[in-house]
Amino acid sequence: MTTVRTLRIAAGVEALSLVALLVNLLTTHTPAVSSLVGPLHGTAYLVTIAATWPAPGARWLSVVPGVGGLLALRRLKGSHQAA
């Protein structure tokens, strides 16, 4: 259950930080925002991959940049409800 909670948090941070990076890129392109949010996004991406690595059904979904954590979380919830 801790892995699912970790994945839920990391997937949310990954998706929100990607949105923040894209909004920054399309509007003001402030270097400070990129410097702060970029490493946060990368860390959330790596945590998402690490959290799903033990789950064979969701492992490769987590590698999709930006939304992979959400896809893996959806797959894990679906397989958890079916069991």
Protein backbone atom coordinates (compact mmCIF):
# COMPACT_ATOMS: atom_id res chain seq x y z
CA MET A 1 0.00 0.00 0.00
CA THR A 2 2.92 2.36 0.64
CA THR A 3 4.12 1.86 -2.94
CA VAL A 4 0.75 2.92 -4.32
CA ARG A 5 0.75 6.01 -2.13
CA THR A 6 4.28 6.89 -3.23
CA LEU A 7 3.31 6.32 -6.84
CA ARG A 8 0.21 8.49 -6.47
CA ILE A 9 2.23 11.40 -5.08
CA ALA A 10 5.07 11.04 -7.60
CA ALA A 11 2.67 10.73 -10.53
CA GLY A 12 0.83 13.87 -9.48
CA VAL A 13 4.05 15.83 -9.04
CA GLU A 14 5.33 14.55 -12.38
CA ALA A 15 2.19 15.62 -14.26
CA LEU A 16 1.87 19.00 -12.53
CA SER A 17 5.52 19.84 -12.97
CA LEU A 18 5.29 19.01 -16.67
CA VAL A 19 2.32 21.36 -16.99
CA ALA A 20 4.27 24.07 -15.16
CA LEU A 21 7.27 23.60 -17.45
CA LEU A 22 5.13 23.74 -20.58
CA VAL A 23 3.21 26.81 -19.41
CA ASN A 24 6.50 28.52 -18.62
CA LEU A 25 7.86 27.58 -22.03
CA LEU A 26 4.81 28.90 -23.86
CA THR A 27 4.51 32.15 -21.90
CA THR A 28 7.38 33.94 -20.19
CA HIS A 29 10.12 31.31 -20.39
CA THR A 30 11.58 32.38 -17.05
CA PRO A 31 14.89 30.59 -16.45
CA ALA A 32 14.30 30.48 -12.67
CA VAL A 33 11.11 28.46 -13.12
CA SER A 34 12.89 26.01 -15.38
CA SER A 35 15.77 25.72 -12.92
CA LEU A 36 13.45 24.90 -10.04
CA VAL A 37 10.73 22.82 -11.68
CA GLY A 38 12.96 20.89 -14.10
CA PRO A 39 14.86 18.92 -11.45
CA LEU A 40 11.62 18.39 -9.52
CA HIS A 41 10.03 16.89 -12.63
CA GLY A 42 13.05 14.67 -13.27
CA THR A 43 13.09 13.42 -9.69
CA ALA A 44 9.37 12.68 -9.75
CA TYR A 45 9.86 10.81 -13.03
CA LEU A 46 12.59 8.63 -11.52
CA VAL A 47 10.58 7.98 -8.35
CA THR A 48 7.63 6.92 -10.51
CA ILE A 49 9.79 4.42 -12.38
CA ALA A 50 11.33 3.10 -9.16
CA ALA A 51 7.93 2.74 -7.48
CA THR A 52 6.48 0.71 -10.34
CA TRP A 53 9.53 -1.43 -11.06
CA PRO A 54 8.34 -4.39 -8.92
CA ALA A 55 4.95 -4.42 -10.73
CA PRO A 56 5.44 -6.19 -14.09
CA GLY A 57 2.16 -4.96 -15.59
CA ALA A 58 2.81 -1.30 -14.92
CA ARG A 59 6.59 -1.21 -15.21
CA TRP A 60 6.83 -0.12 -18.83
CA LEU A 61 3.93 2.31 -18.61
CA SER A 62 5.81 4.35 -16.03
CA VAL A 63 8.60 5.03 -18.55
CA VAL A 64 6.27 7.21 -20.67
CA PRO A 65 7.39 10.78 -19.94
CA GLY A 66 4.91 13.11 -18.28
CA VAL A 67 1.90 10.84 -17.91
CA GLY A 68 3.53 7.46 -17.33
CA GLY A 69 2.97 7.58 -13.61
CA LEU A 70 -0.72 8.21 -14.07
CA LEU A 71 -0.97 5.38 -16.62
CA ALA A 72 0.86 2.99 -14.29
CA LEU A 73 -1.34 4.00 -11.38
CA ARG A 74 -4.44 3.35 -13.47
CA ARG A 75 -3.11 -0.07 -14.47
CA LEU A 76 -2.31 -0.97 -10.86
CA LYS A 77 -5.77 0.11 -9.67
CA GLY A 78 -7.42 -1.91 -12.42
CA SER A 79 -5.47 -5.05 -11.62
CA HIS A 80 -6.01 -4.53 -7.91
CA GLN A 81 -9.80 -4.32 -8.31
CA ALA A 82 -9.90 -7.38 -10.55
CA ALA A 83 -8.06 -9.51 -7.97
